[in-house]
Amino acid sequence: MSTYTDAERERAQRRFFWLQAMRLGALAAVLAGIAITQDVLGAPYWLGLVLALGGVFAFFFAPPLLARRFKADDAKLPDRLEP
């Protein structure tokens, strides 16, 4: 039997979803940037570089920053949520 309430479980699932969505979006940006720089997609070369570099940055640094934000929000919550 789990010791977590339904509200806590739902909050954790929502946060996990957003972390994974951020990683997937960053990966899509990297792939789109590579495709642009290789002339697979018709867009300016500089846009491909910006997408690729921004996607790499977002993939590695944005999820920890988002997790830190989640933890900061948790500090404002009571010790246990009331059912």
Protein backbone atom coordinates (compact mmCIF):
# COMPACT_ATOMS: atom_id res chain seq x y z
CA MET A 1 0.00 0.00 0.00
CA SER A 2 1.33 3.41 -0.95
CA THR A 3 1.80 6.12 1.65
CA TYR A 4 1.24 8.90 -0.88
CA THR A 5 -2.10 10.61 -1.29
CA ASP A 6 -3.83 10.85 -4.66
CA ALA A 7 -3.02 14.57 -4.85
CA GLU A 8 0.69 13.93 -4.29
CA ARG A 9 0.73 11.16 -6.89
CA GLU A 10 -1.10 13.33 -9.41
CA ARG A 11 1.31 16.23 -8.81
CA ALA A 12 4.31 13.93 -9.31
CA GLN A 13 2.85 12.51 -12.54
CA ARG A 14 2.17 16.01 -13.87
CA ARG A 15 5.72 17.11 -13.07
CA PHE A 16 7.21 13.99 -14.67
CA PHE A 17 5.17 14.68 -17.80
CA TRP A 18 6.48 18.25 -18.07
CA LEU A 19 10.09 17.18 -17.55
CA GLN A 20 9.83 14.56 -20.29
CA ALA A 21 7.94 16.91 -22.62
CA MET A 22 10.72 19.46 -22.21
CA ARG A 23 13.36 16.87 -23.05
CA LEU A 24 11.41 15.66 -26.09
CA GLY A 25 10.88 19.21 -27.33
CA ALA A 26 14.57 19.98 -26.93
CA LEU A 27 15.48 16.83 -28.85
CA ALA A 28 13.07 17.83 -31.64
CA ALA A 29 14.72 21.27 -31.79
CA VAL A 30 18.18 19.68 -32.08
CA LEU A 31 17.04 17.38 -34.87
CA ALA A 32 15.30 20.21 -36.72
CA GLY A 33 18.40 22.36 -36.36
CA ILE A 34 20.60 19.61 -37.77
CA ALA A 35 18.17 19.08 -40.65
CA ILE A 36 18.25 22.79 -41.45
CA THR A 37 22.04 22.98 -41.39
CA GLN A 38 22.23 19.97 -43.72
CA ASP A 39 19.77 21.60 -46.18
CA VAL A 40 17.11 18.93 -45.61
CA LEU A 41 14.67 21.62 -44.48
CA GLY A 42 14.52 24.94 -46.29
CA ALA A 43 15.42 27.58 -43.74
CA PRO A 44 18.36 29.90 -43.10
CA TYR A 45 21.54 28.26 -41.86
CA TRP A 46 21.72 30.54 -38.81
CA LEU A 47 18.27 29.35 -37.72
CA GLY A 48 19.49 25.77 -37.79
CA LEU A 49 22.45 26.66 -35.61
CA VAL A 50 20.27 28.51 -33.14
CA LEU A 51 17.81 25.62 -32.93
CA ALA A 52 20.53 22.99 -32.54
CA LEU A 53 22.49 24.88 -29.88
CA GLY A 54 19.36 26.02 -28.06
CA GLY A 55 18.02 22.47 -28.11
CA VAL A 56 21.23 21.09 -26.63
CA PHE A 57 21.14 23.72 -23.91
CA ALA A 58 17.47 23.01 -23.20
CA PHE A 59 18.00 19.24 -23.15
CA PHE A 60 20.75 19.33 -20.55
CA PHE A 61 20.01 22.42 -18.44
CA ALA A 62 16.27 23.13 -18.56
CA PRO A 63 14.99 19.97 -16.79
CA PRO A 64 17.21 20.49 -13.71
CA LEU A 65 16.13 24.13 -13.57
CA LEU A 66 12.49 23.07 -13.81
CA ALA A 67 13.00 20.44 -11.09
CA ARG A 68 14.56 23.11 -8.88
CA ARG A 69 11.48 25.26 -9.47
CA PHE A 70 9.25 22.33 -8.47
CA LYS A 71 11.23 21.85 -5.26
CA ALA A 72 10.97 25.55 -4.44
CA ASP A 73 7.19 25.31 -4.86
CA ASP A 74 7.17 22.29 -2.53
CA ALA A 75 8.83 24.31 0.20
CA LYS A 76 5.69 26.46 0.32
CA LEU A 77 3.40 23.45 0.80
CA PRO A 78 2.50 21.92 4.15
CA ASP A 79 4.32 18.74 5.17
CA ARG A 80 1.45 16.51 3.98
CA LEU A 81 -1.48 17.44 1.80
CA GLU A 82 -4.86 17.06 3.38
CA PRO A 83 -7.16 14.59 1.55
